[in-house]
């Protein structure tokens, strides 16, 4: 059984027991959260999408922790203009462990 959820402007394919990093969520470490924006649920050959899924199906996850990703370097320059700019960025994330899909846990 797996589901497709949407959080932080991105879509993720998740199954029970999966660990994923999503955009930073406002939740305490060790707490349980429910993700309501479920786009699709598949259980074997039975697939539910659209309004079938939107009514009451949730994905439950526990928050494993918060962190920051690896630093990426942003380098801008204009040729022949003596313009160079180096900038770094680290994105915040929340690490989740999927515990149940639609009330069914492992």
PDB file of N, CA and C in Angstrom:
ATOM      1  N   UNK A   1       0.850  -1.176   0.000  1.00  0.00           N
ATOM      2  CA  UNK A   1       0.000   0.000   0.000  1.00  0.00           C
ATOM      3  C   UNK A   1       0.896   1.240   0.000  1.00  0.00           C
ATOM      4  N   UNK A   2       0.559   2.198  -0.860  1.00  0.00           N
ATOM      5  CA  UNK A   2       1.300   3.450  -0.891  1.00  0.00           C
ATOM      6  C   UNK A   2       0.340   4.592  -1.186  1.00  0.00           C
ATOM      7  N   UNK A   3       0.831   5.811  -0.960  1.00  0.00           N
ATOM      8  CA  UNK A   3       0.032   7.004  -1.195  1.00  0.00           C
ATOM      9  C   UNK A   3       0.920   8.077  -1.804  1.00  0.00           C
ATOM     10  N   UNK A   4       0.292   9.023  -2.475  1.00  0.00           N
ATOM     11  CA  UNK A   4       0.981  10.196  -2.983  1.00  0.00           C
ATOM     12  C   UNK A   4       0.438  11.379  -2.203  1.00  0.00           C
ATOM     13  N   UNK A   5       1.348  12.088  -1.491  1.00  0.00           N
ATOM     14  CA  UNK A   5       0.937  13.226  -0.674  1.00  0.00           C
ATOM     15  C   UNK A   5       1.587  14.490  -1.205  1.00  0.00           C
ATOM     16  N   UNK A   6       1.031  15.623  -0.802  1.00  0.00           N
ATOM     17  CA  UNK A   6       1.571  16.909  -1.209  1.00  0.00           C
ATOM     18  C   UNK A   6       1.840  17.728   0.048  1.00  0.00           C
ATOM     19  N   UNK A   7       3.079  18.171   0.199  1.00  0.00           N
ATOM     20  CA  UNK A   7       3.442  19.038   1.314  1.00  0.00           C
ATOM     21  C   UNK A   7       4.612  19.910   0.894  1.00  0.00           C
ATOM     22  N   UNK A   8       4.568  21.155   1.289  1.00  0.00           N
ATOM     23  CA  UNK A   8       5.653  22.070   0.961  1.00  0.00           C
ATOM     24  C   UNK A   8       5.782  22.352  -0.517  1.00  0.00           C
ATOM     25  N   UNK A   9       4.696  22.221  -1.277  1.00  0.00           N
ATOM     26  CA  UNK A   9       4.739  22.488  -2.703  1.00  0.00           C
ATOM     27  C   UNK A   9       5.311  21.350  -3.532  1.00  0.00           C
ATOM     28  N   UNK A  10       5.593  20.213  -2.902  1.00  0.00           N
ATOM     29  CA  UNK A  10       6.143  19.068  -3.617  1.00  0.00           C
ATOM     30  C   UNK A  10       5.262  17.845  -3.373  1.00  0.00           C
ATOM     31  N   UNK A  11       5.380  16.857  -4.251  1.00  0.00           N
ATOM     32  CA  UNK A  11       4.619  15.622  -4.105  1.00  0.00           C
ATOM     33  C   UNK A  11       5.577  14.475  -3.790  1.00  0.00           C
ATOM     34  N   UNK A  12       5.132  13.588  -2.893  1.00  0.00           N
ATOM     35  CA  UNK A  12       5.958  12.468  -2.462  1.00  0.00           C
ATOM     36  C   UNK A  12       5.151  11.180  -2.540  1.00  0.00           C
ATOM     37  N   UNK A  13       5.793  10.107  -2.979  1.00  0.00           N
ATOM     38  CA  UNK A  13       5.190   8.773  -2.964  1.00  0.00           C
ATOM     39  C   UNK A  13       5.685   8.100  -1.698  1.00  0.00           C
ATOM     40  N   UNK A  14       4.756   7.757  -0.791  1.00  0.00           N
ATOM     41  CA  UNK A  14       5.150   7.227   0.514  1.00  0.00           C
ATOM     42  C   UNK A  14       4.455   5.903   0.792  1.00  0.00           C
ATOM     43  N   UNK A  15       5.114   5.073   1.589  1.00  0.00           N
ATOM     44  CA  UNK A  15       4.553   3.826   2.089  1.00  0.00           C
ATOM     45  C   UNK A  15       4.832   3.789   3.591  1.00  0.00           C
ATOM     46  N   UNK A  16       4.161   2.907   4.293  1.00  0.00           N
ATOM     47  CA  UNK A  16       4.355   2.808   5.736  1.00  0.00           C
ATOM     48  C   UNK A  16       5.798   2.379   6.013  1.00  0.00           C
ATOM     49  N   UNK A  17       6.456   3.105   6.912  1.00  0.00           N
ATOM     50  CA  UNK A  17       7.837   2.822   7.257  1.00  0.00           C
ATOM     51  C   UNK A  17       8.846   3.684   6.520  1.00  0.00           C
ATOM     52  N   UNK A  18       8.422   4.428   5.515  1.00  0.00           N
ATOM     53  CA  UNK A  18       9.340   5.291   4.775  1.00  0.00           C
ATOM     54  C   UNK A  18       9.789   6.469   5.632  1.00  0.00           C
ATOM     55  N   UNK A  19      11.023   6.897   5.398  1.00  0.00           N
ATOM     56  CA  UNK A  19      11.572   8.077   6.052  1.00  0.00           C
ATOM     57  C   UNK A  19      11.872   9.084   4.959  1.00  0.00           C
ATOM     58  N   UNK A  20      11.340  10.303   5.098  1.00  0.00           N
ATOM     59  CA  UNK A  20      11.561  11.297   4.064  1.00  0.00           C
ATOM     60  C   UNK A  20      11.806  12.654   4.679  1.00  0.00           C
ATOM     61  N   UNK A  21      12.490  13.498   3.918  1.00  0.00           N
ATOM     62  CA  UNK A  21      12.765  14.870   4.326  1.00  0.00           C
ATOM     63  C   UNK A  21      11.866  15.794   3.530  1.00  0.00           C
ATOM     64  N   UNK A  22      11.078  16.596   4.242  1.00  0.00           N
ATOM     65  CA  UNK A  22      10.165  17.529   3.598  1.00  0.00           C
ATOM     66  C   UNK A  22      10.547  18.941   4.021  1.00  0.00           C
ATOM     67  N   UNK A  23       9.917  19.926   3.397  1.00  0.00           N
ATOM     68  CA  UNK A  23      10.126  21.307   3.792  1.00  0.00           C
ATOM     69  C   UNK A  23       9.801  21.453   5.273  1.00  0.00           C
ATOM     70  N   UNK A  24      10.437  22.390   5.919  1.00  0.00           N
ATOM     71  CA  UNK A  24      10.324  22.562   7.367  1.00  0.00           C
ATOM     72  C   UNK A  24       8.868  22.725   7.809  1.00  0.00           C
ATOM     73  N   UNK A  25       8.456  21.893   8.774  1.00  0.00           N
ATOM     74  CA  UNK A  25       7.109  21.944   9.337  1.00  0.00           C
ATOM     75  C   UNK A  25       7.187  22.431  10.775  1.00  0.00           C
ATOM     76  N   UNK A  26       6.131  23.088  11.229  1.00  0.00           N
ATOM     77  CA  UNK A  26       6.074  23.606  12.591  1.00  0.00           C
ATOM     78  C   UNK A  26       5.498  22.529  13.503  1.00  0.00           C
ATOM     79  N   UNK A  27       6.327  21.568  13.919  1.00  0.00           N
ATOM     80  CA  UNK A  27       5.897  20.469  14.784  1.00  0.00           C
ATOM     81  C   UNK A  27       7.064  20.084  15.684  1.00  0.00           C
ATOM     82  N   UNK A  28       6.749  19.629  16.889  1.00  0.00           N
ATOM     83  CA  UNK A  28       7.791  19.234  17.839  1.00  0.00           C
ATOM     84  C   UNK A  28       8.371  17.875  17.466  1.00  0.00           C
ATOM     85  N   UNK A  29       9.630  17.685  17.829  1.00  0.00           N
ATOM     86  CA  UNK A  29      10.303  16.413  17.576  1.00  0.00           C
ATOM     87  C   UNK A  29       9.661  15.323  18.422  1.00  0.00           C
ATOM     88  N   UNK A  30       9.351  14.195  17.787  1.00  0.00           N
ATOM     89  CA  UNK A  30       8.705  13.087  18.478  1.00  0.00           C
ATOM     90  C   UNK A  30       7.194  13.116  18.428  1.00  0.00           C
ATOM     91  N   UNK A  31       6.616  14.216  17.951  1.00  0.00           N
ATOM     92  CA  UNK A  31       5.159  14.309  17.872  1.00  0.00           C
ATOM     93  C   UNK A  31       4.641  13.623  16.613  1.00  0.00           C
ATOM     94  N   UNK A  32       3.350  13.413  16.576  1.00  0.00           N
ATOM     95  CA  UNK A  32       2.707  12.777  15.431  1.00  0.00           C
ATOM     96  C   UNK A  32       1.886  13.830  14.689  1.00  0.00           C
ATOM     97  N   UNK A  33       1.982  13.836  13.364  1.00  0.00           N
ATOM     98  CA  UNK A  33       1.215  14.789  12.569  1.00  0.00           C
ATOM     99  C   UNK A  33       0.409  14.032  11.524  1.00  0.00           C
ATOM    100  N   UNK A  34      -0.649  14.683  11.057  1.00  0.00           N
ATOM    101  CA  UNK A  34      -1.479  14.116   9.992  1.00  0.00           C
ATOM    102  C   UNK A  34      -1.348  14.981   8.753  1.00  0.00           C
ATOM    103  N   UNK A  35      -1.072  14.351   7.636  1.00  0.00           N
ATOM    104  CA  UNK A  35      -0.970  15.037   6.353  1.00  0.00           C
ATOM    105  C   UNK A  35      -2.271  14.796   5.601  1.00  0.00           C
ATOM    106  N   UNK A  36      -3.061  15.860   5.416  1.00  0.00           N
ATOM    107  CA  UNK A  36      -4.405  15.718   4.835  1.00  0.00           C
ATOM    108  C   UNK A  36      -4.414  15.791   3.321  1.00  0.00           C
ATOM    109  N   UNK A  37      -3.397  16.396   2.724  1.00  0.00           N
ATOM    110  CA  UNK A  37      -3.411  16.622   1.277  1.00  0.00           C
ATOM    111  C   UNK A  37      -2.946  15.362   0.551  1.00  0.00           C
ATOM    112  N   UNK A  38      -3.832  14.349   0.516  1.00  0.00           N
ATOM    113  CA  UNK A  38      -3.529  13.065  -0.116  1.00  0.00           C
ATOM    114  C   UNK A  38      -4.099  13.093  -1.532  1.00  0.00           C
ATOM    115  N   UNK A  39      -3.254  12.858  -2.526  1.00  0.00           N
ATOM    116  CA  UNK A  39      -3.680  12.925  -3.920  1.00  0.00           C
ATOM    117  C   UNK A  39      -4.102  11.568  -4.473  1.00  0.00           C
ATOM    118  N   UNK A  40      -3.482  10.484  -3.956  1.00  0.00           N
ATOM    119  CA  UNK A  40      -3.778   9.152  -4.469  1.00  0.00           C
ATOM    120  C   UNK A  40      -3.437   8.119  -3.415  1.00  0.00           C
ATOM    121  N   UNK A  41      -4.240   7.058  -3.352  1.00  0.00           N
ATOM    122  CA  UNK A  41      -3.955   5.921  -2.483  1.00  0.00           C
ATOM    123  C   UNK A  41      -4.088   4.656  -3.322  1.00  0.00           C
ATOM    124  N   UNK A  42      -3.075   3.783  -3.256  1.00  0.00           N
ATOM    125  CA  UNK A  42      -3.093   2.531  -3.999  1.00  0.00           C
ATOM    126  C   UNK A  42      -2.934   1.383  -3.010  1.00  0.00           C
ATOM    127  N   UNK A  43      -3.856   0.415  -3.095  1.00  0.00           N
ATOM    128  CA  UNK A  43      -3.796  -0.772  -2.248  1.00  0.00           C
ATOM    129  C   UNK A  43      -3.950  -1.984  -3.167  1.00  0.00           C
ATOM    130  N   UNK A  44      -2.816  -2.529  -3.606  1.00  0.00           N
ATOM    131  CA  UNK A  44      -2.860  -3.621  -4.564  1.00  0.00           C
ATOM    132  C   UNK A  44      -3.329  -3.117  -5.919  1.00  0.00           C
ATOM    133  N   UNK A  45      -4.428  -3.699  -6.422  1.00  0.00           N
ATOM    134  CA  UNK A  45      -4.990  -3.264  -7.704  1.00  0.00           C
ATOM    135  C   UNK A  45      -5.998  -2.140  -7.548  1.00  0.00           C
ATOM    136  N   UNK A  46      -6.398  -1.828  -6.322  1.00  0.00           N
ATOM    137  CA  UNK A  46      -7.400  -0.784  -6.073  1.00  0.00           C
ATOM    138  C   UNK A  46      -6.705   0.565  -5.930  1.00  0.00           C
ATOM    139  N   UNK A  47      -7.037   1.498  -6.821  1.00  0.00           N
ATOM    140  CA  UNK A  47      -6.436   2.823  -6.812  1.00  0.00           C
ATOM    141  C   UNK A  47      -7.540   3.858  -6.647  1.00  0.00           C
ATOM    142  N   UNK A  48      -7.347   4.755  -5.678  1.00  0.00           N
ATOM    143  CA  UNK A  48      -8.309   5.838  -5.441  1.00  0.00           C
ATOM    144  C   UNK A  48      -7.617   7.171  -5.701  1.00  0.00           C
ATOM    145  N   UNK A  49      -8.267   8.014  -6.496  1.00  0.00           N
ATOM    146  CA  UNK A  49      -7.742   9.346  -6.762  1.00  0.00           C
ATOM    147  C   UNK A  49      -8.868  10.352  -6.684  1.00  0.00           C
ATOM    148  N   UNK A  50      -8.518  11.622  -6.718  1.00  0.00           N
ATOM    149  CA  UNK A  50      -9.496  12.692  -6.794  1.00  0.00           C
ATOM    150  C   UNK A  50     -10.374  12.806  -5.573  1.00  0.00           C
ATOM    151  N   UNK A  51     -11.664  12.969  -5.777  1.00  0.00           N
ATOM    152  CA  UNK A  51     -12.590  13.217  -4.682  1.00  0.00           C
ATOM    153  C   UNK A  51     -12.784  11.989  -3.799  1.00  0.00           C
ATOM    154  N   UNK A  52     -12.509  10.780  -4.308  1.00  0.00           N
ATOM    155  CA  UNK A  52     -12.597   9.574  -3.476  1.00  0.00           C
ATOM    156  C   UNK A  52     -11.606   9.654  -2.323  1.00  0.00           C
ATOM    157  N   UNK A  53     -10.425  10.153  -2.590  1.00  0.00           N
ATOM    158  CA  UNK A  53      -9.363  10.211  -1.592  1.00  0.00           C
ATOM    159  C   UNK A  53      -9.522  11.428  -0.697  1.00  0.00           C
ATOM    160  N   UNK A  54      -9.992  12.535  -1.260  1.00  0.00           N
ATOM    161  CA  UNK A  54     -10.047  13.792  -0.525  1.00  0.00           C
ATOM    162  C   UNK A  54     -10.943  13.715   0.708  1.00  0.00           C
ATOM    163  N   UNK A  55     -11.893  12.822   0.711  1.00  0.00           N
ATOM    164  CA  UNK A  55     -12.829  12.741   1.821  1.00  0.00           C
ATOM    165  C   UNK A  55     -12.286  11.840   2.923  1.00  0.00           C
ATOM    166  N   UNK A  56     -11.615  12.440   3.901  1.00  0.00           N
ATOM    167  CA  UNK A  56     -11.265  11.728   5.113  1.00  0.00           C
ATOM    168  C   UNK A  56     -10.017  10.877   5.114  1.00  0.00           C
ATOM    169  N   UNK A  57      -9.313  10.744   4.014  1.00  0.00           N
ATOM    170  CA  UNK A  57      -8.092   9.943   4.020  1.00  0.00           C
ATOM    171  C   UNK A  57      -6.925  10.810   4.474  1.00  0.00           C
ATOM    172  N   UNK A  58      -6.188  10.324   5.459  1.00  0.00           N
ATOM    173  CA  UNK A  58      -5.019  11.046   5.945  1.00  0.00           C
ATOM    174  C   UNK A  58      -3.829  10.101   6.032  1.00  0.00           C
ATOM    175  N   UNK A  59      -2.664  10.678   5.990  1.00  0.00           N
ATOM    176  CA  UNK A  59      -1.424   9.941   6.192  1.00  0.00           C
ATOM    177  C   UNK A  59      -0.845  10.426   7.512  1.00  0.00           C
ATOM    178  N   UNK A  60      -0.557   9.496   8.411  1.00  0.00           N
ATOM    179  CA  UNK A  60      -0.012   9.833   9.721  1.00  0.00           C
ATOM    180  C   UNK A  60       1.494   9.606   9.716  1.00  0.00           C
ATOM    181  N   UNK A  61       2.214  10.578  10.260  1.00  0.00           N
ATOM    182  CA  UNK A  61       3.676  10.490  10.304  1.00  0.00           C
ATOM    183  C   UNK A  61       4.169  10.981  11.657  1.00  0.00           C
ATOM    184  N   UNK A  62       5.311  10.463  12.076  1.00  0.00           N
ATOM    185  CA  UNK A  62       5.930  10.954  13.300  1.00  0.00           C
ATOM    186  C   UNK A  62       7.160  11.764  12.922  1.00  0.00           C
ATOM    187  N   UNK A  63       7.391  12.844  13.660  1.00  0.00           N
ATOM    188  CA  UNK A  63       8.504  13.741  13.383  1.00  0.00           C
ATOM    189  C   UNK A  63       9.757  13.175  14.040  1.00  0.00           C
ATOM    190  N   UNK A  64      10.754  12.834  13.218  1.00  0.00           N
ATOM    191  CA  UNK A  64      12.008  12.287  13.746  1.00  0.00           C
ATOM    192  C   UNK A  64      12.981  13.382  14.127  1.00  0.00           C
ATOM    193  N   UNK A  65      12.897  14.516  13.469  1.00  0.00           N
ATOM    194  CA  UNK A  65      13.806  15.611  13.815  1.00  0.00           C
ATOM    195  C   UNK A  65      13.779  16.712  12.777  1.00  0.00           C
ATOM    196  N   UNK A  66      14.499  17.771  13.088  1.00  0.00           N
ATOM    197  CA  UNK A  66      14.640  18.910  12.192  1.00  0.00           C
ATOM    198  C   UNK A  66      16.120  19.081  11.893  1.00  0.00           C
ATOM    199  N   UNK A  67      16.420  19.699  10.761  1.00  0.00           N
ATOM    200  CA  UNK A  67      17.819  19.913  10.415  1.00  0.00           C
ATOM    201  C   UNK A  67      17.961  20.870   9.261  1.00  0.00           C
ATOM    202  N   UNK A  68      19.194  20.973   8.789  1.00  0.00           N
ATOM    203  CA  UNK A  68      19.486  21.805   7.641  1.00  0.00           C
ATOM    204  C   UNK A  68      20.269  20.971   6.642  1.00  0.00           C
ATOM    205  N   UNK A  69      19.962  21.164   5.371  1.00  0.00           N
ATOM    206  CA  UNK A  69      20.602  20.401   4.309  1.00  0.00           C
ATOM    207  C   UNK A  69      22.032  20.843   4.062  1.00  0.00           C
ATOM    208  N   UNK A  70      22.673  20.195   3.109  1.00  0.00           N
ATOM    209  CA  UNK A  70      24.037  20.546   2.736  1.00  0.00           C
ATOM    210  C   UNK A  70      24.064  21.935   2.117  1.00  0.00           C
ATOM    211  N   UNK A  71      25.194  22.592   2.269  1.00  0.00           N
ATOM    212  CA  UNK A  71      25.331  23.929   1.704  1.00  0.00           C
ATOM    213  C   UNK A  71      25.520  23.831   0.200  1.00  0.00           C
ATOM    214  N   UNK A  72      24.796  24.671  -0.518  1.00  0.00           N
ATOM    215  CA  UNK A  72      25.008  24.798  -1.956  1.00  0.00           C
ATOM    216  C   UNK A  72      25.599  26.166  -2.224  1.00  0.00           C
ATOM    217  N   UNK A  73      26.429  26.244  -3.214  1.00  0.00           N
ATOM    218  CA  UNK A  73      27.071  27.506  -3.585  1.00  0.00           C
ATOM    219  C   UNK A  73      26.347  28.098  -4.781  1.00  0.00           C
ATOM    220  N   UNK A  74      26.006  29.371  -4.685  1.00  0.00           N
ATOM    221  CA  UNK A  74      25.390  30.098  -5.780  1.00  0.00           C
ATOM    222  C   UNK A  74      26.441  31.088  -6.273  1.00  0.00           C
ATOM    223  N   UNK A  75      26.812  30.974  -7.527  1.00  0.00           N
ATOM    224  CA  UNK A  75      27.850  31.831  -8.098  1.00  0.00           C
ATOM    225  C   UNK A  75      27.281  32.555  -9.299  1.00  0.00           C
ATOM    226  N   UNK A  76      27.313  33.887  -9.229  1.00  0.00           N
ATOM    227  CA  UNK A  76      26.816  34.696 -10.335  1.00  0.00           C
ATOM    228  C   UNK A  76      27.972  35.523 -10.896  1.00  0.00           C
ATOM    229  N   UNK A  77      27.959  35.702 -12.196  1.00  0.00           N
ATOM    230  CA  UNK A  77      28.955  36.586 -12.781  1.00  0.00           C
ATOM    231  C   UNK A  77      28.447  37.119 -14.112  1.00  0.00           C
ATOM    232  N   UNK A  78      28.980  38.271 -14.485  1.00  0.00           N
ATOM    233  CA  UNK A  78      28.716  38.874 -15.782  1.00  0.00           C
ATOM    234  C   UNK A  78      30.052  38.943 -16.525  1.00  0.00           C
ATOM    235  N   UNK A  79      30.091  38.383 -17.685  1.00  0.00           N
ATOM    236  CA  UNK A  79      31.349  38.359 -18.416  1.00  0.00           C
ATOM    237  C   UNK A  79      31.764  39.780 -18.831  1.00  0.00           C
ATOM    238  N   UNK A  80      33.023  40.009 -18.729  1.00  0.00           N
ATOM    239  CA  UNK A  80      33.662  41.274 -19.127  1.00  0.00           C
ATOM    240  C   UNK A  80      33.218  42.476 -18.302  1.00  0.00           C
ATOM    241  N   UNK A  81      32.518  42.306 -17.200  1.00  0.00           N
ATOM    242  CA  UNK A  81      32.036  43.438 -16.404  1.00  0.00           C
ATOM    243  C   UNK A  81      32.654  43.475 -15.008  1.00  0.00           C
ATOM    244  N   UNK A  82      33.572  42.540 -14.716  1.00  0.00           N
ATOM    245  CA  UNK A  82      34.223  42.455 -13.411  1.00  0.00           C
ATOM    246  C   UNK A  82      33.191  42.327 -12.279  1.00  0.00           C
ATOM    247  N   UNK A  83      32.140  41.532 -12.510  1.00  0.00           N
ATOM    248  CA  UNK A  83      31.094  41.308 -11.521  1.00  0.00           C
ATOM    249  C   UNK A  83      31.073  39.834 -11.138  1.00  0.00           C
ATOM    250  N   UNK A  84      31.308  39.558  -9.875  1.00  0.00           N
ATOM    251  CA  UNK A  84      31.252  38.191  -9.359  1.00  0.00           C
ATOM    252  C   UNK A  84      30.568  38.227  -8.002  1.00  0.00           C
ATOM    253  N   UNK A  85      29.702  37.249  -7.743  1.00  0.00           N
ATOM    254  CA  UNK A  85      29.003  37.181  -6.463  1.00  0.00           C
ATOM    255  C   UNK A  85      28.891  35.715  -6.063  1.00  0.00           C
ATOM    256  N   UNK A  86      29.388  35.392  -4.882  1.00  0.00           N
ATOM    257  CA  UNK A  86      29.283  34.043  -4.351  1.00  0.00           C
ATOM    258  C   UNK A  86      28.381  34.093  -3.129  1.00  0.00           C
ATOM    259  N   UNK A  87      27.439  33.154  -3.075  1.00  0.00           N
ATOM    260  CA  UNK A  87      26.487  33.124  -1.974  1.00  0.00           C
ATOM    261  C   UNK A  87      26.230  31.667  -1.618  1.00  0.00           C
ATOM    262  N   UNK A  88      26.009  31.376  -0.348  1.00  0.00           N
ATOM    263  CA  UNK A  88      25.705  30.023   0.084  1.00  0.00           C
ATOM    264  C   UNK A  88      24.277  29.924   0.582  1.00  0.00           C
ATOM    265  N   UNK A  89      23.734  28.708   0.582  1.00  0.00           N
ATOM    266  CA  UNK A  89      22.363  28.495   1.047  1.00  0.00           C
ATOM    267  C   UNK A  89      22.244  27.110   1.671  1.00  0.00           C
ATOM    268  N   UNK A  90      21.558  27.031   2.816  1.00  0.00           N
ATOM    269  CA  UNK A  90      21.239  25.746   3.449  1.00  0.00           C
ATOM    270  C   UNK A  90      19.745  25.739   3.720  1.00  0.00           C
ATOM    271  N   UNK A  91      19.047  24.741   3.173  1.00  0.00           N
ATOM    272  CA  UNK A  91      17.591  24.651   3.298  1.00  0.00           C
ATOM    273  C   UNK A  91      17.220  23.893   4.568  1.00  0.00           C
ATOM    274  N   UNK A  92      16.249  24.425   5.325  1.00  0.00           N
ATOM    275  CA  UNK A  92      15.736  23.734   6.509  1.00  0.00           C
ATOM    276  C   UNK A  92      14.840  22.580   6.083  1.00  0.00           C
ATOM    277  N   UNK A  93      14.838  21.494   6.864  1.00  0.00           N
ATOM    278  CA  UNK A  93      13.972  20.365   6.558  1.00  0.00           C
ATOM    279  C   UNK A  93      13.457  19.746   7.840  1.00  0.00           C
ATOM    280  N   UNK A  94      12.392  18.939   7.689  1.00  0.00           N
ATOM    281  CA  UNK A  94      11.849  18.125   8.766  1.00  0.00           C
ATOM    282  C   UNK A  94      11.881  16.685   8.293  1.00  0.00           C
ATOM    283  N   UNK A  95      12.393  15.792   9.120  1.00  0.00           N
ATOM    284  CA  UNK A  95      12.476  14.382   8.760  1.00  0.00           C
ATOM    285  C   UNK A  95      11.273  13.658   9.357  1.00  0.00           C
ATOM    286  N   UNK A  96      10.508  12.979   8.494  1.00  0.00           N
ATOM    287  CA  UNK A  96       9.290  12.297   8.901  1.00  0.00           C
ATOM    288  C   UNK A  96       9.421  10.804   8.685  1.00  0.00           C
ATOM    289  N   UNK A  97       8.743  10.030   9.533  1.00  0.00           N
ATOM    290  CA  UNK A  97       8.608   8.591   9.338  1.00  0.00           C
ATOM    291  C   UNK A  97       7.124   8.303   9.208  1.00  0.00           C
ATOM    292  N   UNK A  98       6.730   7.691   8.093  1.00  0.00           N
ATOM    293  CA  UNK A  98       5.321   7.414   7.831  1.00  0.00           C
ATOM    294  C   UNK A  98       4.900   6.228   8.696  1.00  0.00           C
ATOM    295  N   UNK A  99       3.827   6.423   9.500  1.00  0.00           N
ATOM    296  CA  UNK A  99       3.380   5.365  10.408  1.00  0.00           C
ATOM    297  C   UNK A  99       2.081   4.714   9.955  1.00  0.00           C
ATOM    298  N   UNK A 100       1.201   5.445   9.266  1.00  0.00           N
ATOM    299  CA  UNK A 100      -0.068   4.867   8.828  1.00  0.00           C
ATOM    300  C   UNK A 100      -0.584   5.620   7.605  1.00  0.00           C
ATOM    301  N   UNK A 101      -1.279   4.883   6.747  1.00  0.00           N
ATOM    302  CA  UNK A 101      -1.937   5.469   5.578  1.00  0.00           C
ATOM    303  C   UNK A 101      -3.408   5.135   5.655  1.00  0.00           C
ATOM    304  N   UNK A 102      -4.240   6.142   5.770  1.00  0.00           N
ATOM    305  CA  UNK A 102      -5.681   5.932   5.819  1.00  0.00           C
ATOM    306  C   UNK A 102      -6.117   5.068   6.990  1.00  0.00           C
ATOM    307  N   UNK A 103      -5.399   5.147   8.114  1.00  0.00           N
ATOM    308  CA  UNK A 103      -5.758   4.377   9.277  1.00  0.00           C
ATOM    309  C   UNK A 103      -5.160   2.981   9.318  1.00  0.00           C
ATOM    310  N   UNK A 104      -4.490   2.559   8.256  1.00  0.00           N
ATOM    311  CA  UNK A 104      -3.866   1.227   8.220  1.00  0.00           C
ATOM    312  C   UNK A 104      -2.383   1.386   8.488  1.00  0.00           C
ATOM    313  N   UNK A 105      -1.908   0.747   9.559  1.00  0.00           N
ATOM    314  CA  UNK A 105      -0.491   0.791   9.878  1.00  0.00           C
ATOM    315  C   UNK A 105       0.130  -0.576   9.611  1.00  0.00           C
ATOM    316  N   UNK A 106       1.438  -0.621   9.698  1.00  0.00           N
ATOM    317  CA  UNK A 106       2.146  -1.876   9.383  1.00  0.00           C
ATOM    318  C   UNK A 106       1.981  -2.922  10.464  1.00  0.00           C
TER     319      UNK A 106
END
